[in-house]
Structure formats: C-alpha cells, structure tokens
Amino acid sequence: MLSIPQLFGIWLILLASFITYKISTSAPSDIDRKYSKTSSFSHKETKEKEFPLVINTWPIYADIKIMNIKQKYERYMLLPEGEYIIEVSSQGYQKKKKVVKLNQHFYVRDITLKPKQGS
C-alpha cells in the first residue's frame, strides 16, 4: 500500500504532466506570434540554418541552461543545427540534463522535474 507522501508525489507528477501537455498544445500566445514571422514556424535563412528552440518545464519557472554555449536560454532562441546539452533545475526538485538534437524547423521539448526526496 502506498503512503500519503508517495500518493502525493504521484499526484504531483500527474498534475505536472497534464499542465505541460496543456501548455504545449495550447494556441500560440502573443509572445509566440511575436517571435514567428509567419503562422507556421520556419527556419531563418542565413549562411548557417538556425532553428527556434522551446523548452517547456515543470515547474514552470525552472532555470534552463544550455551547457555547451555561452548564450543564455531564451524561449524561441535561434540556434544552428546540432546537439545541445540542456540542464533544468529548480529549488526543491532534482536537476535534470537532456541532450537535444536540433535538426528540425522547430523544436519543442517538455522536461518535468521530480521533487527531491524529503521535500
């Protein structure tokens, strides 16, 4: 039988998954439209193709760092094709690192952090 803290942890993860799903499937916001030149996201034509990157996190205001570049992460930032190491952290949650292969016209990644044990 599961204890109350375990049930709460499961409930929290399910809630985070639901919220992340709702955010990632919602209609574009004013910010989304500001950064897109057309209604569908397309890559920026330069000598080197660059593509927008979006990282959705739970908790929503988690810190996002791209470990292998100096530039600070910004939603819809344009990056050249390649692999990037994304680190997501937030107080009270376990830090998570993911490798993102940016080789599409538009890339969205959902990352959900798990609460630290004893928090």
C-alpha atoms as a PDB file:
ATOM      1  CA  MET A   1       0.000   0.000   0.000  1.00  0.00           C
ATOM      2  CA  LEU A   2       1.267   3.468  -0.854  1.00  0.00           C
ATOM      3  CA  SER A   3       1.827   6.062   1.851  1.00  0.00           C
ATOM      4  CA  ILE A   4       0.326   9.548   1.701  1.00  0.00           C
ATOM      5  CA  PRO A   5       3.649  11.190   0.636  1.00  0.00           C
ATOM      6  CA  GLN A   6       4.016   8.636  -2.173  1.00  0.00           C
ATOM      7  CA  LEU A   7       0.443   9.251  -3.355  1.00  0.00           C
ATOM      8  CA  PHE A   8       1.054  12.997  -3.208  1.00  0.00           C
ATOM      9  CA  GLY A   9       4.240  12.577  -5.280  1.00  0.00           C
ATOM     10  CA  ILE A  10       2.383  10.560  -7.912  1.00  0.00           C
ATOM     11  CA  TRP A  11      -0.419  13.113  -7.957  1.00  0.00           C
ATOM     12  CA  LEU A  12       2.111  15.937  -8.360  1.00  0.00           C
ATOM     13  CA  ILE A  13       3.814  14.219 -11.309  1.00  0.00           C
ATOM     14  CA  LEU A  14       0.448  13.577 -12.986  1.00  0.00           C
ATOM     15  CA  LEU A  15      -0.567  17.207 -12.456  1.00  0.00           C
ATOM     16  CA  ALA A  16       2.750  18.432 -13.880  1.00  0.00           C
ATOM     17  CA  SER A  17       2.342  16.188 -16.928  1.00  0.00           C
ATOM     18  CA  PHE A  18      -1.182  17.466 -17.511  1.00  0.00           C
ATOM     19  CA  ILE A  19      -0.155  21.128 -17.215  1.00  0.00           C
ATOM     20  CA  THR A  20       2.835  20.620 -19.515  1.00  0.00           C
ATOM     21  CA  TYR A  21       0.560  18.915 -22.050  1.00  0.00           C
ATOM     22  CA  LYS A  22      -1.964  21.759 -21.887  1.00  0.00           C
ATOM     23  CA  ILE A  23       0.762  24.395 -22.311  1.00  0.00           C
ATOM     24  CA  SER A  24       2.406  22.610 -25.247  1.00  0.00           C
ATOM     25  CA  THR A  25      -0.904  22.041 -27.066  1.00  0.00           C
ATOM     26  CA  SER A  26      -2.454  25.441 -26.421  1.00  0.00           C
ATOM     27  CA  ALA A  27      -2.942  28.084 -29.090  1.00  0.00           C
ATOM     28  CA  PRO A  28       0.015  30.394 -29.742  1.00  0.00           C
ATOM     29  CA  SER A  29       0.233  33.327 -27.351  1.00  0.00           C
ATOM     30  CA  ASP A  30       1.132  36.907 -28.226  1.00  0.00           C
ATOM     31  CA  ILE A  31       4.746  36.076 -27.351  1.00  0.00           C
ATOM     32  CA  ASP A  32       4.665  33.077 -29.708  1.00  0.00           C
ATOM     33  CA  ARG A  33       3.341  35.257 -32.534  1.00  0.00           C
ATOM     34  CA  LYS A  34       5.933  37.970 -31.808  1.00  0.00           C
ATOM     35  CA  TYR A  35       8.806  35.574 -32.460  1.00  0.00           C
ATOM     36  CA  SER A  36       7.362  33.910 -35.532  1.00  0.00           C
ATOM     37  CA  LYS A  37       7.395  35.735 -38.853  1.00  0.00           C
ATOM     38  CA  THR A  38       4.646  33.518 -40.277  1.00  0.00           C
ATOM     39  CA  SER A  39       1.834  31.475 -38.820  1.00  0.00           C
ATOM     40  CA  SER A  40       3.971  28.349 -39.159  1.00  0.00           C
ATOM     41  CA  PHE A  41       7.460  28.394 -37.743  1.00  0.00           C
ATOM     42  CA  SER A  42      10.166  28.262 -40.379  1.00  0.00           C
ATOM     43  CA  HIS A  43      13.910  28.428 -40.115  1.00  0.00           C
ATOM     44  CA  LYS A  44      15.801  31.670 -40.602  1.00  0.00           C
ATOM     45  CA  GLU A  45      17.752  31.776 -43.834  1.00  0.00           C
ATOM     46  CA  THR A  46      21.383  32.609 -43.191  1.00  0.00           C
ATOM     47  CA  LYS A  47      24.675  31.055 -44.238  1.00  0.00           C
ATOM     48  CA  GLU A  48      24.061  28.563 -41.456  1.00  0.00           C
ATOM     49  CA  LYS A  49      20.470  27.480 -40.863  1.00  0.00           C
ATOM     50  CA  GLU A  50      19.149  28.383 -37.439  1.00  0.00           C
ATOM     51  CA  PHE A  51      16.081  26.927 -35.802  1.00  0.00           C
ATOM     52  CA  PRO A  52      13.910  28.078 -32.864  1.00  0.00           C
ATOM     53  CA  LEU A  53      14.180  26.087 -29.632  1.00  0.00           C
ATOM     54  CA  VAL A  54      11.455  25.902 -26.976  1.00  0.00           C
ATOM     55  CA  ILE A  55      11.826  24.109 -23.646  1.00  0.00           C
ATOM     56  CA  ASN A  56       8.645  23.649 -21.563  1.00  0.00           C
ATOM     57  CA  THR A  57       9.325  22.819 -17.917  1.00  0.00           C
ATOM     58  CA  TRP A  58       7.580  21.719 -14.778  1.00  0.00           C
ATOM     59  CA  PRO A  59       7.821  23.545 -12.503  1.00  0.00           C
ATOM     60  CA  ILE A  60       7.028  26.289 -14.986  1.00  0.00           C
ATOM     61  CA  TYR A  61       9.638  28.770 -13.732  1.00  0.00           C
ATOM     62  CA  ALA A  62      12.553  26.335 -13.596  1.00  0.00           C
ATOM     63  CA  ASP A  63      16.024  27.564 -14.594  1.00  0.00           C
ATOM     64  CA  ILE A  64      17.086  26.446 -18.080  1.00  0.00           C
ATOM     65  CA  LYS A  65      20.727  26.444 -19.169  1.00  0.00           C
ATOM     66  CA  ILE A  66      22.322  25.309 -22.398  1.00  0.00           C
ATOM     67  CA  MET A  67      25.593  23.908 -21.157  1.00  0.00           C
ATOM     68  CA  ASN A  68      27.624  23.894 -24.371  1.00  0.00           C
ATOM     69  CA  ILE A  69      27.065  27.521 -25.441  1.00  0.00           C
ATOM     70  CA  LYS A  70      27.654  30.854 -23.668  1.00  0.00           C
ATOM     71  CA  GLN A  71      24.354  32.413 -24.755  1.00  0.00           C
ATOM     72  CA  LYS A  72      21.587  32.476 -22.103  1.00  0.00           C
ATOM     73  CA  TYR A  73      18.471  30.453 -22.966  1.00  0.00           C
ATOM     74  CA  GLU A  74      15.507  32.423 -24.272  1.00  0.00           C
ATOM     75  CA  ARG A  75      12.247  30.927 -25.495  1.00  0.00           C
ATOM     76  CA  TYR A  76      12.345  30.675 -29.320  1.00  0.00           C
ATOM     77  CA  MET A  77      16.054  31.450 -29.448  1.00  0.00           C
ATOM     78  CA  LEU A  78      17.577  30.632 -32.837  1.00  0.00           C
ATOM     79  CA  LEU A  79      20.381  28.083 -32.811  1.00  0.00           C
ATOM     80  CA  PRO A  80      22.346  26.376 -35.566  1.00  0.00           C
ATOM     81  CA  GLU A  81      21.679  22.717 -36.250  1.00  0.00           C
ATOM     82  CA  GLY A  82      23.469  20.486 -33.749  1.00  0.00           C
ATOM     83  CA  GLU A  83      23.372  18.821 -30.333  1.00  0.00           C
ATOM     84  CA  TYR A  84      22.830  20.863 -27.193  1.00  0.00           C
ATOM     85  CA  ILE A  85      23.010  19.821 -23.546  1.00  0.00           C
ATOM     86  CA  ILE A  86      20.038  21.277 -21.672  1.00  0.00           C
ATOM     87  CA  GLU A  87      20.098  21.493 -17.868  1.00  0.00           C
ATOM     88  CA  VAL A  88      16.878  22.235 -15.999  1.00  0.00           C
ATOM     89  CA  SER A  89      16.861  22.946 -12.265  1.00  0.00           C
ATOM     90  CA  SER A  90      14.591  24.398  -9.622  1.00  0.00           C
ATOM     91  CA  GLN A  91      14.795  24.626  -5.836  1.00  0.00           C
ATOM     92  CA  GLY A  92      13.252  21.561  -4.219  1.00  0.00           C
ATOM     93  CA  TYR A  93      13.490  19.456  -7.394  1.00  0.00           C
ATOM     94  CA  GLN A  94      16.062  17.043  -8.830  1.00  0.00           C
ATOM     95  CA  LYS A  95      18.214  18.619 -11.546  1.00  0.00           C
ATOM     96  CA  LYS A  96      17.840  17.055 -14.999  1.00  0.00           C
ATOM     97  CA  LYS A  97      20.094  17.110 -18.090  1.00  0.00           C
ATOM     98  CA  LYS A  98      18.914  16.188 -21.585  1.00  0.00           C
ATOM     99  CA  VAL A  99      20.622  16.157 -24.965  1.00  0.00           C
ATOM    100  CA  VAL A 100      18.616  17.949 -27.652  1.00  0.00           C
ATOM    101  CA  LYS A 101      19.330  17.301 -31.336  1.00  0.00           C
ATOM    102  CA  LEU A 102      18.266  20.445 -33.138  1.00  0.00           C
ATOM    103  CA  ASN A 103      17.789  19.488 -36.781  1.00  0.00           C
ATOM    104  CA  GLN A 104      14.186  20.378 -37.456  1.00  0.00           C
ATOM    105  CA  HIS A 105      12.404  23.550 -38.435  1.00  0.00           C
ATOM    106  CA  PHE A 106      11.002  23.960 -34.936  1.00  0.00           C
ATOM    107  CA  TYR A 107      11.913  22.037 -31.768  1.00  0.00           C
ATOM    108  CA  VAL A 108       9.881  21.752 -28.560  1.00  0.00           C
ATOM    109  CA  ARG A 109      10.980  19.673 -25.572  1.00  0.00           C
ATOM    110  CA  ASP A 110       8.981  19.057 -22.394  1.00  0.00           C
ATOM    111  CA  ILE A 111      11.041  18.439 -19.240  1.00  0.00           C
ATOM    112  CA  THR A 112       9.394  17.576 -15.926  1.00  0.00           C
ATOM    113  CA  LEU A 113      11.474  17.676 -12.746  1.00  0.00           C
ATOM    114  CA  LYS A 114      10.826  15.267  -9.886  1.00  0.00           C
ATOM    115  CA  PRO A 115      10.639  16.579  -6.311  1.00  0.00           C
ATOM    116  CA  LYS A 116      13.726  15.891  -4.178  1.00  0.00           C
ATOM    117  CA  GLN A 117      13.323  13.121  -1.632  1.00  0.00           C
ATOM    118  CA  GLY A 118      12.213  14.520   1.718  1.00  0.00           C
ATOM    119  CA  SER A 119      10.915  17.774   0.193  1.00  0.00           C
END
